C-alpha atoms as a PDB file:
ATOM      1  CA  MET A   1    -146.721  -7.104 113.099  1.00  0.00           C
ATOM      2  CA  VAL A   2    -144.217  -4.264 112.558  1.00  0.00           C
ATOM      3  CA  ARG A   3    -140.695  -5.144 113.578  1.00  0.00           C
ATOM      4  CA  VAL A   4    -139.095  -2.624 115.921  1.00  0.00           C
ATOM      5  CA  ASP A   5    -135.716  -3.034 114.230  1.00  0.00           C
ATOM      6  CA  GLY A   6    -137.079  -1.771 110.932  1.00  0.00           C
ATOM      7  CA  GLY A   7    -137.146  -5.220 109.356  1.00  0.00           C
ATOM      8  CA  ILE A   8    -133.407  -5.872 109.514  1.00  0.00           C
ATOM      9  CA  SER A   9    -132.503  -9.521 110.111  1.00  0.00           C
ATOM     10  CA  GLY A  10    -129.954 -10.600 112.711  1.00  0.00           C
ATOM     11  CA  SER A  11    -127.193 -11.266 110.183  1.00  0.00           C
ATOM     12  CA  GLU A  12    -127.901  -7.956 108.446  1.00  0.00           C
ATOM     13  CA  ARG A  13    -127.762  -6.145 111.791  1.00  0.00           C
ATOM     14  CA  GLU A  14    -124.345  -7.635 112.499  1.00  0.00           C
ATOM     15  CA  SER A  15    -123.066  -6.806 109.023  1.00  0.00           C
ATOM     16  CA  ILE A  16    -123.943  -3.109 109.422  1.00  0.00           C
ATOM     17  CA  GLY A  17    -122.535  -2.814 112.907  1.00  0.00           C
ATOM     18  CA  LEU A  18    -125.435  -3.292 115.286  1.00  0.00           C
ATOM     19  CA  MET A  19    -124.730  -5.050 118.540  1.00  0.00           C
ATOM     20  CA  SER A  20    -126.900  -7.979 119.592  1.00  0.00           C
ATOM     21  CA  ASP A  21    -128.257  -6.119 122.644  1.00  0.00           C
ATOM     22  CA  GLN A  22    -129.877  -3.519 120.329  1.00  0.00           C
ATOM     23  CA  ARG A  23    -127.387  -0.735 121.031  1.00  0.00           C
ATOM     24  CA  PRO A  24    -126.140   0.829 117.789  1.00  0.00           C
ATOM     25  CA  VAL A  25    -122.451   0.810 117.038  1.00  0.00           C
ATOM     26  CA  LEU A  26    -121.110   4.323 116.561  1.00  0.00           C
ATOM     27  CA  TRP A  27    -118.603   4.906 113.786  1.00  0.00           C
ATOM     28  CA  SER A  28    -115.967   7.610 113.846  1.00  0.00           C
ATOM     29  CA  THR A  29    -115.470   9.984 110.935  1.00  0.00           C
ATOM     30  CA  ALA A  30    -112.565   7.844 109.721  1.00  0.00           C
ATOM     31  CA  GLU A  31    -114.691   4.682 109.792  1.00  0.00           C
ATOM     32  CA  VAL A  32    -117.478   6.347 107.794  1.00  0.00           C
ATOM     33  CA  CYS A  33    -114.933   7.560 105.251  1.00  0.00           C
ATOM     34  CA  GLU A  34    -113.475   4.070 104.956  1.00  0.00           C
ATOM     35  CA  TYR A  35    -116.943   2.559 104.433  1.00  0.00           C
ATOM     36  CA  LEU A  36    -117.895   5.156 101.794  1.00  0.00           C
ATOM     37  CA  GLY A  37    -114.453   5.230 100.163  1.00  0.00           C
ATOM     38  CA  ILE A  38    -114.057   9.003 100.520  1.00  0.00           C
ATOM     39  CA  SER A  39    -111.627  11.353 102.221  1.00  0.00           C
ATOM     40  CA  ILE A  40    -112.258  13.004 105.570  1.00  0.00           C
ATOM     41  CA  GLU A  41    -112.125  16.359 103.799  1.00  0.00           C
ATOM     42  CA  THR A  42    -114.954  15.257 101.503  1.00  0.00           C
ATOM     43  CA  LEU A  43    -117.098  14.157 104.431  1.00  0.00           C
ATOM     44  CA  TYR A  44    -116.539  17.486 106.226  1.00  0.00           C
ATOM     45  CA  HIS A  45    -117.306  19.363 103.000  1.00  0.00           C
ATOM     46  CA  TRP A  46    -120.550  17.417 102.603  1.00  0.00           C
ATOM     47  CA  ARG A  47    -121.458  18.141 106.216  1.00  0.00           C
ATOM     48  CA  SER A  48    -120.894  21.881 105.728  1.00  0.00           C
ATOM     49  CA  ARG A  49    -123.381  21.694 102.838  1.00  0.00           C
ATOM     50  CA  ASN A  50    -125.974  19.668 104.815  1.00  0.00           C
ATOM     51  CA  TYR A  51    -125.292  16.599 102.698  1.00  0.00           C
ATOM     52  CA  GLY A  52    -124.170  13.136 103.706  1.00  0.00           C
ATOM     53  CA  PRO A  53    -125.106  10.712 106.439  1.00  0.00           C
ATOM     54  CA  PRO A  54    -126.496  12.125 109.689  1.00  0.00           C
ATOM     55  CA  ALA A  55    -124.004  12.615 112.516  1.00  0.00           C
ATOM     56  CA  ARG A  56    -124.254  13.320 116.199  1.00  0.00           C
ATOM     57  CA  ARG A  57    -121.817  15.319 118.232  1.00  0.00           C
ATOM     58  CA  VAL A  58    -120.421  13.497 121.267  1.00  0.00           C
ATOM     59  CA  GLY A  59    -118.288  15.991 123.119  1.00  0.00           C
ATOM     60  CA  ARG A  60    -115.913  17.373 120.509  1.00  0.00           C
ATOM     61  CA  SER A  61    -116.229  14.361 118.197  1.00  0.00           C
ATOM     62  CA  LEU A  62    -118.718  13.407 115.518  1.00  0.00           C
ATOM     63  CA  ARG A  63    -120.226   9.932 115.688  1.00  0.00           C
ATOM     64  CA  TYR A  64    -122.322   8.161 113.100  1.00  0.00           C
ATOM     65  CA  VAL A  65    -124.786   5.337 113.756  1.00  0.00           C
ATOM     66  CA  ALA A  66    -123.695   2.558 111.380  1.00  0.00           C
ATOM     67  CA  ALA A  67    -127.270   1.738 110.343  1.00  0.00           C
ATOM     68  CA  ASP A  68    -127.923   5.424 109.536  1.00  0.00           C
ATOM     69  CA  VAL A  69    -124.864   5.553 107.266  1.00  0.00           C
ATOM     70  CA  VAL A  70    -125.900   2.382 105.429  1.00  0.00           C
ATOM     71  CA  THR A  71    -129.499   3.624 105.087  1.00  0.00           C
ATOM     72  CA  TRP A  72    -128.317   6.988 103.738  1.00  0.00           C
ATOM     73  CA  PHE A  73    -126.011   5.289 101.258  1.00  0.00           C
ATOM     74  CA  GLU A  74    -128.645   2.845 100.049  1.00  0.00           C
ATOM     75  CA  ALA A  75    -131.125   5.708  99.533  1.00  0.00           C
ATOM     76  CA  LEU A  76    -128.837   7.387  96.991  1.00  0.00           C
ATOM     77  CA  ASP A  77    -129.811   6.936  93.392  1.00  0.00           C
ATOM     78  CA  ASP A  78    -127.155   5.913  90.892  1.00  0.00           C
ATOM     79  CA  GLY A  79    -126.687   9.472  89.661  1.00  0.00           C
ATOM     80  CA  GLU A  80    -125.528  10.757  93.074  1.00  0.00           C
ATOM     81  CA  ARG A  81    -122.827   8.176  93.873  1.00  0.00           C
END
């Protein structure tokens, strides 16, 4: 059976910011930068070059699904970090 949550266990879901009722936690730009250890300027530069974790615009703000950020980061090979 294929798990709908992509195979992520309950403790893993909590550790990457997923709420127990299956709604994803949205991170702000500052929270993504803190997680990745980069500056906001770097994240905006990456975004202008179509690089970096996927974001969604909510009004005038960018929001990132925590699981998407973690997945993007884990998909990097050692040469790109």
